[in-house]
């Protein structure tokens, strides 16, 4: 019997639940509690007042069905791969370590609290798996060249502005974190296989 990656499934379920509750990002009444900053206060005052969940919760917000479907597809593939190889604790820590800085980068450099999506975490996972596959033969998985080219082409296309408002700073920060983490971990002991 096939075992599903529990944390990957839980992250997908959270994203779907937020999408349904927020009517795919249309309900500001729901989203005002999930944005990195409270739209009714200055800067990160809400985080400073104890609403620390806001540093992470933008990753669960999706605006439209295609935004949700594509991010969940990549999360299933890349998150599931990492969870199978490194375990749920690693994936959880990775999600926090990539999600929070990428959200902060988007807010501080992009200038608006109205953003969301799992793609920041997805680009971090991509960078990590890409570097591990290239430089750590014990990792046991190499991303196909066409996958990397397609994701990087999409990354560049998003920066052109042709696709509308995109959380490009979140993508950039998380990709850099993932690449650096994957490269720096290249000489570590073999990946743990979780059954």
Protein backbone atom coordinates (compact mmCIF):
# COMPACT_ATOMS: atom_id res chain seq x y z
CA UNK A 1 0.00 0.00 0.00
CA UNK A 2 1.39 3.40 -1.02
CA UNK A 3 2.09 5.79 1.83
CA UNK A 4 1.33 9.45 1.18
CA UNK A 5 3.66 12.20 2.48
CA UNK A 6 1.63 13.48 5.46
CA UNK A 7 3.02 17.01 5.73
CA UNK A 8 2.82 17.60 1.98
CA UNK A 9 -0.81 16.47 2.07
CA UNK A 10 -1.47 18.72 5.09
CA UNK A 11 0.07 21.77 3.37
CA UNK A 12 -2.03 21.13 0.26
CA UNK A 13 -5.16 20.70 2.40
CA UNK A 14 -4.47 24.01 4.17
CA UNK A 15 -4.04 25.82 0.86
CA UNK A 16 -7.26 24.33 -0.51
CA UNK A 17 -9.14 25.19 2.71
CA UNK A 18 -7.94 28.82 2.58
CA UNK A 19 -8.83 29.00 -1.13
CA UNK A 20 -12.36 27.77 -0.42
CA UNK A 21 -12.86 30.00 2.63
CA UNK A 22 -11.53 33.06 0.81
CA UNK A 23 -13.37 32.26 -2.45
CA UNK A 24 -10.03 31.94 -4.25
CA UNK A 25 -8.72 35.19 -2.81
CA UNK A 26 -11.85 37.27 -3.34
CA UNK A 27 -12.85 37.57 0.33
CA UNK A 28 -10.81 40.30 2.01
CA UNK A 29 -12.75 39.58 5.17
CA UNK A 30 -10.97 36.21 5.43
CA UNK A 31 -7.62 37.27 3.98
CA UNK A 32 -7.10 40.31 6.23
CA UNK A 33 -6.04 37.87 8.99
CA UNK A 34 -3.62 35.99 6.73
CA UNK A 35 -1.72 38.78 4.96
CA UNK A 36 1.76 39.47 6.32
CA UNK A 37 0.62 42.89 7.53
CA UNK A 38 -2.75 44.01 8.85
CA UNK A 39 -4.18 46.28 6.13
CA UNK A 40 -5.51 48.56 8.90
CA UNK A 41 -2.18 49.17 10.65
CA UNK A 42 1.29 50.50 9.86
CA UNK A 43 4.07 48.17 8.71
CA UNK A 44 4.47 44.94 10.62
CA UNK A 45 2.78 46.32 13.74
CA UNK A 46 0.40 43.35 13.92
CA UNK A 47 3.35 40.93 13.94
CA UNK A 48 5.00 43.02 16.65
CA UNK A 49 1.78 42.80 18.65
CA UNK A 50 1.89 39.00 18.67
CA UNK A 51 0.27 38.01 15.36
CA UNK A 52 3.41 36.14 14.34
CA UNK A 53 1.48 33.67 12.17
CA UNK A 54 1.31 36.47 9.57
CA UNK A 55 4.98 35.88 8.75
CA UNK A 56 4.04 32.48 7.26
CA UNK A 57 0.33 32.50 6.34
CA UNK A 58 0.67 34.32 2.98
CA UNK A 59 1.96 30.99 1.57
CA UNK A 60 -1.53 29.53 2.02
CA UNK A 61 -3.32 32.30 0.05
CA UNK A 62 -4.08 31.72 -3.64
CA UNK A 63 -5.75 34.03 -6.13
CA UNK A 64 -7.63 31.95 -8.68
CA UNK A 65 -7.91 28.31 -9.58
CA UNK A 66 -4.84 28.16 -11.85
CA UNK A 67 -2.67 29.78 -9.18
CA UNK A 68 -3.82 27.13 -6.71
CA UNK A 69 -3.62 24.13 -9.06
CA UNK A 70 -0.13 24.82 -10.38
CA UNK A 71 1.32 25.55 -6.95
CA UNK A 72 -0.26 22.41 -5.48
CA UNK A 73 1.04 20.31 -8.38
CA UNK A 74 4.60 21.49 -7.76
CA UNK A 75 4.23 21.19 -3.99
CA UNK A 76 3.02 17.60 -4.41
CA UNK A 77 5.99 16.71 -6.64
CA UNK A 78 8.82 18.63 -4.95
CA UNK A 79 7.52 18.66 -1.38
CA UNK A 80 6.60 14.99 -1.59
CA UNK A 81 10.07 14.15 -2.90
CA UNK A 82 11.81 16.03 -0.08
CA UNK A 83 9.49 14.56 2.54
CA UNK A 84 10.16 11.02 1.24
CA UNK A 85 13.93 11.57 1.23
CA UNK A 86 14.47 13.75 4.30
CA UNK A 87 11.34 13.33 6.43
CA UNK A 88 8.42 15.47 7.56
CA UNK A 89 10.47 17.40 10.13
CA UNK A 90 12.92 18.51 7.47
CA UNK A 91 10.12 19.60 5.12
CA UNK A 92 8.42 21.49 7.95
CA UNK A 93 11.62 23.28 8.92
CA UNK A 94 12.40 23.99 5.27
CA UNK A 95 8.93 25.46 4.71
CA UNK A 96 9.42 27.82 7.67
CA UNK A 97 13.02 28.67 6.78
CA UNK A 98 12.09 29.54 3.18
CA UNK A 99 8.50 30.76 3.58
CA UNK A 100 9.12 33.41 6.23
CA UNK A 101 12.14 35.13 4.60
CA UNK A 102 10.51 35.04 1.17
CA UNK A 103 7.33 36.64 2.57
CA UNK A 104 9.41 39.31 4.31
CA UNK A 105 11.39 39.98 1.11
CA UNK A 106 8.18 40.36 -0.87
CA UNK A 107 6.66 42.73 1.67
CA UNK A 108 9.76 44.83 2.33
CA UNK A 109 10.89 45.09 -1.30
CA UNK A 110 7.52 44.83 -3.04
CA UNK A 111 5.84 47.33 -0.74
CA UNK A 112 2.40 45.75 -0.41
CA UNK A 113 0.94 43.22 2.04
CA UNK A 114 -1.56 41.95 -0.56
CA UNK A 115 0.28 38.91 -1.91
CA UNK A 116 0.18 35.19 -1.45
CA UNK A 117 0.99 31.78 -2.83
CA UNK A 118 3.03 28.65 -2.20
CA UNK A 119 5.30 29.41 -5.15
CA UNK A 120 7.92 30.96 -2.89
CA UNK A 121 8.30 27.67 -1.03
CA UNK A 122 8.12 25.78 -4.35
CA UNK A 123 11.06 27.78 -5.77
CA UNK A 124 13.01 27.07 -2.59
CA UNK A 125 12.33 23.35 -2.98
CA UNK A 126 13.33 23.55 -6.64
CA UNK A 127 16.63 25.24 -5.77
CA UNK A 128 17.42 22.75 -3.01
CA UNK A 129 16.63 19.64 -5.09
CA UNK A 130 18.44 21.07 -8.13
CA UNK A 131 21.67 21.61 -6.17
CA UNK A 132 21.45 18.32 -4.31
CA UNK A 133 20.92 16.47 -7.58
CA UNK A 134 23.88 18.20 -9.20
CA UNK A 135 26.41 18.11 -6.37
CA UNK A 136 25.39 15.30 -4.00
CA UNK A 137 25.44 11.90 -5.72
CA UNK A 138 24.07 10.31 -2.53
CA UNK A 139 20.87 12.35 -2.80
CA UNK A 140 19.56 9.88 -5.36
CA UNK A 141 17.46 12.23 -7.49
CA UNK A 142 18.36 14.60 -10.31
CA UNK A 143 15.81 17.04 -11.69
CA UNK A 144 15.35 16.68 -15.42
CA UNK A 145 17.05 19.52 -17.29
CA UNK A 146 13.76 20.50 -18.98
CA UNK A 147 12.11 20.92 -15.55
CA UNK A 148 14.82 23.32 -14.38
CA UNK A 149 14.82 25.25 -17.67
CA UNK A 150 11.02 25.57 -17.65
CA UNK A 151 10.90 26.76 -14.02
CA UNK A 152 13.71 29.27 -14.57
CA UNK A 153 12.09 30.51 -17.79
CA UNK A 154 8.83 30.99 -15.87
CA UNK A 155 10.80 32.81 -13.16
CA UNK A 156 12.24 35.26 -15.74
CA UNK A 157 8.88 35.67 -17.51
CA UNK A 158 7.26 36.62 -14.20
CA UNK A 159 9.85 39.38 -13.73
CA UNK A 160 8.94 40.91 -17.12
CA UNK A 161 5.54 42.00 -15.78
CA UNK A 162 3.72 40.43 -18.75
CA UNK A 163 1.82 38.08 -16.42
CA UNK A 164 0.52 40.79 -14.11
CA UNK A 165 1.40 41.28 -10.46
CA UNK A 166 3.60 38.40 -9.28
CA UNK A 167 5.41 37.96 -5.95
CA UNK A 168 8.79 38.09 -7.68
CA UNK A 169 10.76 39.05 -4.58
CA UNK A 170 9.36 36.00 -2.78
CA UNK A 171 10.35 33.76 -5.70
CA UNK A 172 13.84 35.28 -5.82
CA UNK A 173 14.53 35.06 -2.09
CA UNK A 174 13.31 31.48 -1.82
CA UNK A 175 15.19 30.31 -4.92
CA UNK A 176 18.41 31.81 -3.54
CA UNK A 177 17.84 30.21 -0.12
CA UNK A 178 17.05 26.83 -1.69
CA UNK A 179 20.08 26.92 -4.01
CA UNK A 180 22.43 27.99 -1.19
CA UNK A 181 21.04 25.40 1.25
CA UNK A 182 21.19 22.59 -1.32
CA UNK A 183 24.73 23.49 -2.35
CA UNK A 184 26.04 23.89 1.21
CA UNK A 185 24.53 20.54 2.21
CA UNK A 186 26.12 18.69 -0.72
CA UNK A 187 28.75 16.89 1.39
CA UNK A 188 26.44 15.76 4.17
CA UNK A 189 25.67 12.15 4.99
CA UNK A 190 23.31 10.21 2.70
CA UNK A 191 19.67 11.26 2.62
CA UNK A 192 17.44 9.41 5.08
CA UNK A 193 14.76 7.30 3.45
CA UNK A 194 11.47 7.41 5.30
CA UNK A 195 9.15 4.43 4.89
